[in-house]
Amino acid sequence: MQKVIAILNVIAWAGFWAFGYLALTAGSGNSQQMVIAALLAALGGAVGIWAYFQLVRYCERTGYAAGPNRANRQHLEDEYNEGSL
């Protein structure tokens, strides 16, 4: 399933860049073309971000990538509890 999401990620980002370019370079007389290209670019960007985050989640879960750095905040709770006594 992850290979399918990776392929979807590549296709979505390619669509984002291709349709984004078409939206930016459309002439001022082609407002309908500009709007459709912008909507398709936004859809490609949204699907690309979703697929990227799914791949990151999978890599962190399987140990392929390091997990996010988390600070140990226990000392803050200890200081707060000592101060309220």
PDB file of N, CA and C in Angstrom:
ATOM      1  N   MET A   1       0.819  -1.193   0.000  1.00  0.00           N
ATOM      2  CA  MET A   1       0.000   0.000   0.000  1.00  0.00           C
ATOM      3  C   MET A   1       0.871   1.268   0.000  1.00  0.00           C
ATOM      4  N   GLN A   2       2.027   1.169   0.639  1.00  0.00           N
ATOM      5  CA  GLN A   2       2.889   2.344   0.723  1.00  0.00           C
ATOM      6  C   GLN A   2       3.455   2.721  -0.636  1.00  0.00           C
ATOM      7  N   LYS A   3       3.669   1.733  -1.502  1.00  0.00           N
ATOM      8  CA  LYS A   3       4.158   2.048  -2.846  1.00  0.00           C
ATOM      9  C   LYS A   3       3.094   2.799  -3.639  1.00  0.00           C
ATOM     10  N   VAL A   4       1.842   2.429  -3.433  1.00  0.00           N
ATOM     11  CA  VAL A   4       0.746   3.135  -4.113  1.00  0.00           C
ATOM     12  C   VAL A   4       0.674   4.576  -3.634  1.00  0.00           C
ATOM     13  N   ILE A   5       0.829   4.787  -2.333  1.00  0.00           N
ATOM     14  CA  ILE A   5       0.811   6.149  -1.791  1.00  0.00           C
ATOM     15  C   ILE A   5       2.018   6.934  -2.285  1.00  0.00           C
ATOM     16  N   ALA A   6       3.169   6.288  -2.418  1.00  0.00           N
ATOM     17  CA  ALA A   6       4.356   6.975  -2.931  1.00  0.00           C
ATOM     18  C   ALA A   6       4.161   7.384  -4.390  1.00  0.00           C
ATOM     19  N   ILE A   7       3.569   6.510  -5.187  1.00  0.00           N
ATOM     20  CA  ILE A   7       3.291   6.851  -6.587  1.00  0.00           C
ATOM     21  C   ILE A   7       2.269   7.981  -6.655  1.00  0.00           C
ATOM     22  N   LEU A   8       1.241   7.907  -5.817  1.00  0.00           N
ATOM     23  CA  LEU A   8       0.242   8.978  -5.760  1.00  0.00           C
ATOM     24  C   LEU A   8       0.886  10.301  -5.371  1.00  0.00           C
ATOM     25  N   ASN A   9       1.844  10.252  -4.462  1.00  0.00           N
ATOM     26  CA  ASN A   9       2.563  11.453  -4.033  1.00  0.00           C
ATOM     27  C   ASN A   9       3.287  12.102  -5.213  1.00  0.00           C
ATOM     28  N   VAL A  10       4.001  11.293  -5.986  1.00  0.00           N
ATOM     29  CA  VAL A  10       4.745  11.824  -7.130  1.00  0.00           C
ATOM     30  C   VAL A  10       3.793  12.408  -8.173  1.00  0.00           C
ATOM     31  N   ILE A  11       2.720  11.700  -8.475  1.00  0.00           N
ATOM     32  CA  ILE A  11       1.770  12.179  -9.478  1.00  0.00           C
ATOM     33  C   ILE A  11       1.080  13.452  -9.005  1.00  0.00           C
ATOM     34  N   ALA A  12       0.722  13.505  -7.721  1.00  0.00           N
ATOM     35  CA  ALA A  12       0.044  14.690  -7.194  1.00  0.00           C
ATOM     36  C   ALA A  12       0.943  15.921  -7.257  1.00  0.00           C
ATOM     37  N   TRP A  13       2.224  15.758  -6.871  1.00  0.00           N
ATOM     38  CA  TRP A  13       3.128  16.911  -6.919  1.00  0.00           C
ATOM     39  C   TRP A  13       3.416  17.337  -8.356  1.00  0.00           C
ATOM     40  N   ALA A  14       3.483  16.370  -9.261  1.00  0.00           N
ATOM     41  CA  ALA A  14       3.673  16.726 -10.670  1.00  0.00           C
ATOM     42  C   ALA A  14       2.477  17.511 -11.181  1.00  0.00           C
ATOM     43  N   GLY A  15       1.285  17.100 -10.795  1.00  0.00           N
ATOM     44  CA  GLY A  15       0.080  17.844 -11.173  1.00  0.00           C
ATOM     45  C   GLY A  15       0.048  19.232 -10.563  1.00  0.00           C
ATOM     46  N   PHE A  16       0.493  19.320  -9.323  1.00  0.00           N
ATOM     47  CA  PHE A  16       0.545  20.628  -8.668  1.00  0.00           C
ATOM     48  C   PHE A  16       1.428  21.598  -9.446  1.00  0.00           C
ATOM     49  N   TRP A  17       2.640  21.151  -9.791  1.00  0.00           N
ATOM     50  CA  TRP A  17       3.564  22.036 -10.497  1.00  0.00           C
ATOM     51  C   TRP A  17       3.100  22.320 -11.922  1.00  0.00           C
ATOM     52  N   ALA A  18       2.582  21.314 -12.608  1.00  0.00           N
ATOM     53  CA  ALA A  18       2.153  21.520 -13.992  1.00  0.00           C
ATOM     54  C   ALA A  18       0.954  22.461 -14.063  1.00  0.00           C
ATOM     55  N   PHE A  19      -0.071  22.191 -13.279  1.00  0.00           N
ATOM     56  CA  PHE A  19      -1.262  23.032 -13.325  1.00  0.00           C
ATOM     57  C   PHE A  19      -1.023  24.392 -12.676  1.00  0.00           C
ATOM     58  N   GLY A  20      -0.121  24.439 -11.710  1.00  0.00           N
ATOM     59  CA  GLY A  20       0.243  25.734 -11.132  1.00  0.00           C
ATOM     60  C   GLY A  20       0.915  26.628 -12.164  1.00  0.00           C
ATOM     61  N   TYR A  21       1.778  26.023 -12.966  1.00  0.00           N
ATOM     62  CA  TYR A  21       2.427  26.788 -14.033  1.00  0.00           C
ATOM     63  C   TYR A  21       1.400  27.272 -15.047  1.00  0.00           C
ATOM     64  N   LEU A  22       0.461  26.394 -15.414  1.00  0.00           N
ATOM     65  CA  LEU A  22      -0.581  26.800 -16.362  1.00  0.00           C
ATOM     66  C   LEU A  22      -1.449  27.914 -15.795  1.00  0.00           C
ATOM     67  N   ALA A  23      -1.737  27.854 -14.510  1.00  0.00           N
ATOM     68  CA  ALA A  23      -2.565  28.901 -13.894  1.00  0.00           C
ATOM     69  C   ALA A  23      -1.823  30.232 -13.865  1.00  0.00           C
ATOM     70  N   LEU A  24      -0.532  30.188 -13.605  1.00  0.00           N
ATOM     71  CA  LEU A  24       0.238  31.430 -13.530  1.00  0.00           C
ATOM     72  C   LEU A  24       0.501  32.050 -14.894  1.00  0.00           C
ATOM     73  N   THR A  25       0.604  31.226 -15.921  1.00  0.00           N
ATOM     74  CA  THR A  25       0.944  31.750 -17.242  1.00  0.00           C
ATOM     75  C   THR A  25      -0.267  31.936 -18.143  1.00  0.00           C
ATOM     76  N   ALA A  26      -1.464  31.636 -17.654  1.00  0.00           N
ATOM     77  CA  ALA A  26      -2.662  31.831 -18.473  1.00  0.00           C
ATOM     78  C   ALA A  26      -2.855  33.323 -18.717  1.00  0.00           C
ATOM     79  N   GLY A  27      -3.285  33.653 -19.909  1.00  0.00           N
ATOM     80  CA  GLY A  27      -3.512  35.055 -20.241  1.00  0.00           C
ATOM     81  C   GLY A  27      -4.684  35.627 -19.465  1.00  0.00           C
ATOM     82  N   SER A  28      -4.741  36.935 -19.411  1.00  0.00           N
ATOM     83  CA  SER A  28      -5.810  37.572 -18.651  1.00  0.00           C
ATOM     84  C   SER A  28      -7.178  37.348 -19.288  1.00  0.00           C
ATOM     85  N   GLY A  29      -7.210  37.002 -20.565  1.00  0.00           N
ATOM     86  CA  GLY A  29      -8.481  36.743 -21.231  1.00  0.00           C
ATOM     87  C   GLY A  29      -9.023  35.353 -20.965  1.00  0.00           C
ATOM     88  N   ASN A  30      -8.182  34.465 -20.465  1.00  0.00           N
ATOM     89  CA  ASN A  30      -8.602  33.086 -20.198  1.00  0.00           C
ATOM     90  C   ASN A  30      -8.839  32.881 -18.704  1.00  0.00           C
ATOM     91  N   SER A  31      -9.782  33.589 -18.142  1.00  0.00           N
ATOM     92  CA  SER A  31     -10.005  33.474 -16.699  1.00  0.00           C
ATOM     93  C   SER A  31     -10.558  32.108 -16.320  1.00  0.00           C
ATOM     94  N   GLN A  32     -11.378  31.505 -17.189  1.00  0.00           N
ATOM     95  CA  GLN A  32     -11.919  30.182 -16.883  1.00  0.00           C
ATOM     96  C   GLN A  32     -10.791  29.146 -16.856  1.00  0.00           C
ATOM     97  N   GLN A  33      -9.879  29.220 -17.794  1.00  0.00           N
ATOM     98  CA  GLN A  33      -8.735  28.305 -17.823  1.00  0.00           C
ATOM     99  C   GLN A  33      -7.858  28.506 -16.591  1.00  0.00           C
ATOM    100  N   MET A  34      -7.693  29.755 -16.186  1.00  0.00           N
ATOM    101  CA  MET A  34      -6.865  30.057 -15.025  1.00  0.00           C
ATOM    102  C   MET A  34      -7.486  29.473 -13.749  1.00  0.00           C
ATOM    103  N   VAL A  35      -8.799  29.606 -13.613  1.00  0.00           N
ATOM    104  CA  VAL A  35      -9.472  29.111 -12.412  1.00  0.00           C
ATOM    105  C   VAL A  35      -9.415  27.586 -12.350  1.00  0.00           C
ATOM    106  N   ILE A  36      -9.681  26.932 -13.465  1.00  0.00           N
ATOM    107  CA  ILE A  36      -9.651  25.474 -13.485  1.00  0.00           C
ATOM    108  C   ILE A  36      -8.244  24.967 -13.189  1.00  0.00           C
ATOM    109  N   ALA A  37      -7.233  25.575 -13.778  1.00  0.00           N
ATOM    110  CA  ALA A  37      -5.856  25.154 -13.527  1.00  0.00           C
ATOM    111  C   ALA A  37      -5.471  25.394 -12.063  1.00  0.00           C
ATOM    112  N   ALA A  38      -5.920  26.508 -11.497  1.00  0.00           N
ATOM    113  CA  ALA A  38      -5.613  26.789 -10.092  1.00  0.00           C
ATOM    114  C   ALA A  38      -6.294  25.778  -9.171  1.00  0.00           C
ATOM    115  N   LEU A  39      -7.520  25.409  -9.476  1.00  0.00           N
ATOM    116  CA  LEU A  39      -8.213  24.412  -8.666  1.00  0.00           C
ATOM    117  C   LEU A  39      -7.530  23.046  -8.765  1.00  0.00           C
ATOM    118  N   LEU A  40      -7.119  22.666  -9.957  1.00  0.00           N
ATOM    119  CA  LEU A  40      -6.412  21.402 -10.117  1.00  0.00           C
ATOM    120  C   LEU A  40      -5.053  21.430  -9.423  1.00  0.00           C
ATOM    121  N   ALA A  41      -4.374  22.574  -9.460  1.00  0.00           N
ATOM    122  CA  ALA A  41      -3.099  22.706  -8.749  1.00  0.00           C
ATOM    123  C   ALA A  41      -3.317  22.599  -7.240  1.00  0.00           C
ATOM    124  N   ALA A  42      -4.359  23.222  -6.736  1.00  0.00           N
ATOM    125  CA  ALA A  42      -4.653  23.133  -5.303  1.00  0.00           C
ATOM    126  C   ALA A  42      -4.998  21.702  -4.908  1.00  0.00           C
ATOM    127  N   LEU A  43      -5.740  21.017  -5.740  1.00  0.00           N
ATOM    128  CA  LEU A  43      -6.072  19.618  -5.465  1.00  0.00           C
ATOM    129  C   LEU A  43      -4.815  18.757  -5.466  1.00  0.00           C
ATOM    130  N   GLY A  44      -3.927  18.982  -6.431  1.00  0.00           N
ATOM    131  CA  GLY A  44      -2.668  18.237  -6.470  1.00  0.00           C
ATOM    132  C   GLY A  44      -1.807  18.516  -5.251  1.00  0.00           C
ATOM    133  N   GLY A  45      -1.765  19.771  -4.816  1.00  0.00           N
ATOM    134  CA  GLY A  45      -0.999  20.117  -3.621  1.00  0.00           C
ATOM    135  C   GLY A  45      -1.572  19.473  -2.366  1.00  0.00           C
ATOM    136  N   ALA A  46      -2.891  19.463  -2.248  1.00  0.00           N
ATOM    137  CA  ALA A  46      -3.523  18.870  -1.074  1.00  0.00           C
ATOM    138  C   ALA A  46      -3.293  17.360  -1.024  1.00  0.00           C
ATOM    139  N   VAL A  47      -3.458  16.700  -2.149  1.00  0.00           N
ATOM    140  CA  VAL A  47      -3.227  15.251  -2.188  1.00  0.00           C
ATOM    141  C   VAL A  47      -1.747  14.954  -1.956  1.00  0.00           C
ATOM    142  N   GLY A  48      -0.862  15.781  -2.489  1.00  0.00           N
ATOM    143  CA  GLY A  48       0.564  15.592  -2.276  1.00  0.00           C
ATOM    144  C   GLY A  48       0.964  15.725  -0.821  1.00  0.00           C
ATOM    145  N   ILE A  49       0.417  16.709  -0.142  1.00  0.00           N
ATOM    146  CA  ILE A  49       0.716  16.888   1.287  1.00  0.00           C
ATOM    147  C   ILE A  49       0.174  15.718   2.098  1.00  0.00           C
ATOM    148  N   TRP A  50      -1.066  15.296   1.775  1.00  0.00           N
ATOM    149  CA  TRP A  50      -1.653  14.162   2.487  1.00  0.00           C
ATOM    150  C   TRP A  50      -0.806  12.913   2.300  1.00  0.00           C
ATOM    151  N   ALA A  51      -0.407  12.625   1.068  1.00  0.00           N
ATOM    152  CA  ALA A  51       0.391  11.428   0.787  1.00  0.00           C
ATOM    153  C   ALA A  51       1.760  11.518   1.465  1.00  0.00           C
ATOM    154  N   TYR A  52       2.363  12.688   1.463  1.00  0.00           N
ATOM    155  CA  TYR A  52       3.660  12.865   2.111  1.00  0.00           C
ATOM    156  C   TYR A  52       3.563  12.567   3.608  1.00  0.00           C
ATOM    157  N   PHE A  53       2.540  13.099   4.255  1.00  0.00           N
ATOM    158  CA  PHE A  53       2.388  12.856   5.688  1.00  0.00           C
ATOM    159  C   PHE A  53       2.082  11.390   5.982  1.00  0.00           C
ATOM    160  N   GLN A  54       1.380  10.718   5.097  1.00  0.00           N
ATOM    161  CA  GLN A  54       1.144   9.283   5.276  1.00  0.00           C
ATOM    162  C   GLN A  54       2.452   8.511   5.181  1.00  0.00           C
ATOM    163  N   LEU A  55       3.300   8.903   4.250  1.00  0.00           N
ATOM    164  CA  LEU A  55       4.601   8.228   4.109  1.00  0.00           C
ATOM    165  C   LEU A  55       5.503   8.506   5.305  1.00  0.00           C
ATOM    166  N   VAL A  56       5.488   9.726   5.809  1.00  0.00           N
ATOM    167  CA  VAL A  56       6.290  10.058   6.992  1.00  0.00           C
ATOM    168  C   VAL A  56       5.807   9.250   8.194  1.00  0.00           C
ATOM    169  N   ARG A  57       4.497   9.162   8.363  1.00  0.00           N
ATOM    170  CA  ARG A  57       3.942   8.388   9.472  1.00  0.00           C
ATOM    171  C   ARG A  57       4.362   6.923   9.371  1.00  0.00           C
ATOM    172  N   TYR A  58       4.308   6.371   8.172  1.00  0.00           N
ATOM    173  CA  TYR A  58       4.705   4.972   7.970  1.00  0.00           C
ATOM    174  C   TYR A  58       6.191   4.773   8.288  1.00  0.00           C
ATOM    175  N   CYS A  59       7.035   5.691   7.827  1.00  0.00           N
ATOM    176  CA  CYS A  59       8.475   5.563   8.061  1.00  0.00           C
ATOM    177  C   CYS A  59       8.816   5.674   9.539  1.00  0.00           C
ATOM    178  N   GLU A  60       8.136   6.532  10.262  1.00  0.00           N
ATOM    179  CA  GLU A  60       8.394   6.652  11.693  1.00  0.00           C
ATOM    180  C   GLU A  60       7.896   5.420  12.441  1.00  0.00           C
ATOM    181  N   ARG A  61       6.783   4.872  12.005  1.00  0.00           N
ATOM    182  CA  ARG A  61       6.201   3.709  12.672  1.00  0.00           C
ATOM    183  C   ARG A  61       7.061   2.464  12.478  1.00  0.00           C
ATOM    184  N   THR A  62       7.640   2.294  11.297  1.00  0.00           N
ATOM    185  CA  THR A  62       8.429   1.094  11.009  1.00  0.00           C
ATOM    186  C   THR A  62       9.881   1.227  11.430  1.00  0.00           C
ATOM    187  N   GLY A  63      10.320   2.399  11.814  1.00  0.00           N
ATOM    188  CA  GLY A  63      11.690   2.596  12.240  1.00  0.00           C
ATOM    189  C   GLY A  63      12.626   2.960  11.112  1.00  0.00           C
ATOM    190  N   TYR A  64      12.109   3.134   9.913  1.00  0.00           N
ATOM    191  CA  TYR A  64      12.960   3.525   8.787  1.00  0.00           C
ATOM    192  C   TYR A  64      13.507   4.933   8.986  1.00  0.00           C
ATOM    193  N   ALA A  65      12.712   5.791   9.575  1.00  0.00           N
ATOM    194  CA  ALA A  65      13.136   7.161   9.888  1.00  0.00           C
ATOM    195  C   ALA A  65      13.035   7.356  11.394  1.00  0.00           C
ATOM    196  N   ALA A  66      13.857   8.218  11.912  1.00  0.00           N
ATOM    197  CA  ALA A  66      13.803   8.516  13.339  1.00  0.00           C
ATOM    198  C   ALA A  66      12.500   9.228  13.672  1.00  0.00           C
ATOM    199  N   GLY A  67      11.985   8.938  14.833  1.00  0.00           N
ATOM    200  CA  GLY A  67      10.766   9.605  15.278  1.00  0.00           C
ATOM    201  C   GLY A  67      11.027  11.062  15.600  1.00  0.00           C
ATOM    202  N   PRO A  68       9.974  11.816  15.773  1.00  0.00           N
ATOM    203  CA  PRO A  68      10.159  13.228  16.086  1.00  0.00           C
ATOM    204  C   PRO A  68      10.784  13.401  17.465  1.00  0.00           C
ATOM    205  N   ASN A  69      11.585  14.441  17.604  1.00  0.00           N
ATOM    206  CA  ASN A  69      12.213  14.727  18.892  1.00  0.00           C
ATOM    207  C   ASN A  69      11.161  15.242  19.857  1.00  0.00           C
ATOM    208  N   ARG A  70      11.106  14.642  20.991  1.00  0.00           N
ATOM    209  CA  ARG A  70      10.167  15.048  22.032  1.00  0.00           C
ATOM    210  C   ARG A  70      10.962  15.417  23.275  1.00  0.00           C
ATOM    211  N   ALA A  71      10.636  16.532  23.843  1.00  0.00           N
ATOM    212  CA  ALA A  71      11.333  16.977  25.048  1.00  0.00           C
ATOM    213  C   ALA A  71      10.730  16.279  26.268  1.00  0.00           C
ATOM    214  N   ASN A  72      11.577  15.916  27.196  1.00  0.00           N
ATOM    215  CA  ASN A  72      11.115  15.358  28.454  1.00  0.00           C
ATOM    216  C   ASN A  72      10.726  16.519  29.350  1.00  0.00           C
ATOM    217  N   ARG A  73       9.445  16.642  29.612  1.00  0.00           N
ATOM    218  CA  ARG A  73       8.946  17.784  30.377  1.00  0.00           C
ATOM    219  C   ARG A  73       8.623  17.413  31.818  1.00  0.00           C
ATOM    220  N   GLN A  74       9.082  16.279  32.260  1.00  0.00           N
ATOM    221  CA  GLN A  74       8.781  15.830  33.617  1.00  0.00           C
ATOM    222  C   GLN A  74       9.335  16.804  34.652  1.00  0.00           C
ATOM    223  N   HIS A  75      10.500  17.409  34.376  1.00  0.00           N
ATOM    224  CA  HIS A  75      11.083  18.331  35.351  1.00  0.00           C
ATOM    225  C   HIS A  75      10.195  19.557  35.559  1.00  0.00           C
ATOM    226  N   LEU A  76       9.440  19.959  34.555  1.00  0.00           N
ATOM    227  CA  LEU A  76       8.529  21.080  34.720  1.00  0.00           C
ATOM    228  C   LEU A  76       7.379  20.725  35.655  1.00  0.00           C
ATOM    229  N   GLU A  77       6.866  19.524  35.516  1.00  0.00           N
ATOM    230  CA  GLU A  77       5.795  19.091  36.405  1.00  0.00           C
ATOM    231  C   GLU A  77       6.306  18.943  37.841  1.00  0.00           C
ATOM    232  N   ASP A  78       7.548  18.431  37.977  1.00  0.00           N
ATOM    233  CA  ASP A  78       8.119  18.290  39.313  1.00  0.00           C
ATOM    234  C   ASP A  78       8.293  19.660  39.969  1.00  0.00           C
ATOM    235  N   GLU A  79       8.808  20.642  39.240  1.00  0.00           N
ATOM    236  CA  GLU A  79       8.983  21.984  39.780  1.00  0.00           C
ATOM    237  C   GLU A  79       7.652  22.625  40.146  1.00  0.00           C
ATOM    238  N   TYR A  80       6.641  22.397  39.338  1.00  0.00           N
ATOM    239  CA  TYR A  80       5.323  22.965  39.614  1.00  0.00           C
ATOM    240  C   TYR A  80       4.727  22.351  40.874  1.00  0.00           C
ATOM    241  N   ASN A  81       4.871  21.028  40.987  1.00  0.00           N
ATOM    242  CA  ASN A  81       4.317  20.345  42.167  1.00  0.00           C
ATOM    243  C   ASN A  81       5.064  20.732  43.424  1.00  0.00           C
ATOM    244  N   GLU A  82       6.369  20.958  43.377  1.00  0.00           N
ATOM    245  CA  GLU A  82       7.129  21.392  44.541  1.00  0.00           C
ATOM    246  C   GLU A  82       6.751  22.802  44.951  1.00  0.00           C
ATOM    247  N   GLY A  83       6.479  23.656  43.985  1.00  0.00           N
ATOM    248  CA  GLY A  83       6.132  25.037  44.282  1.00  0.00           C
ATOM    249  C   GLY A  83       4.746  25.196  44.854  1.00  0.00           C
ATOM    250  N   SER A  84       3.854  24.266  44.574  1.00  0.00           N
ATOM    251  CA  SER A  84       2.479  24.404  45.061  1.00  0.00           C
ATOM    252  C   SER A  84       2.291  23.786  46.444  1.00  0.00           C
ATOM    253  N   LEU A  85       3.343  23.152  46.989  1.00  0.00           N
ATOM    254  CA  LEU A  85       3.217  22.521  48.317  1.00  0.00           C
ATOM    255  C   LEU A  85       3.344  23.500  49.409  1.00  0.00           C
TER     256      LEU A  85
END
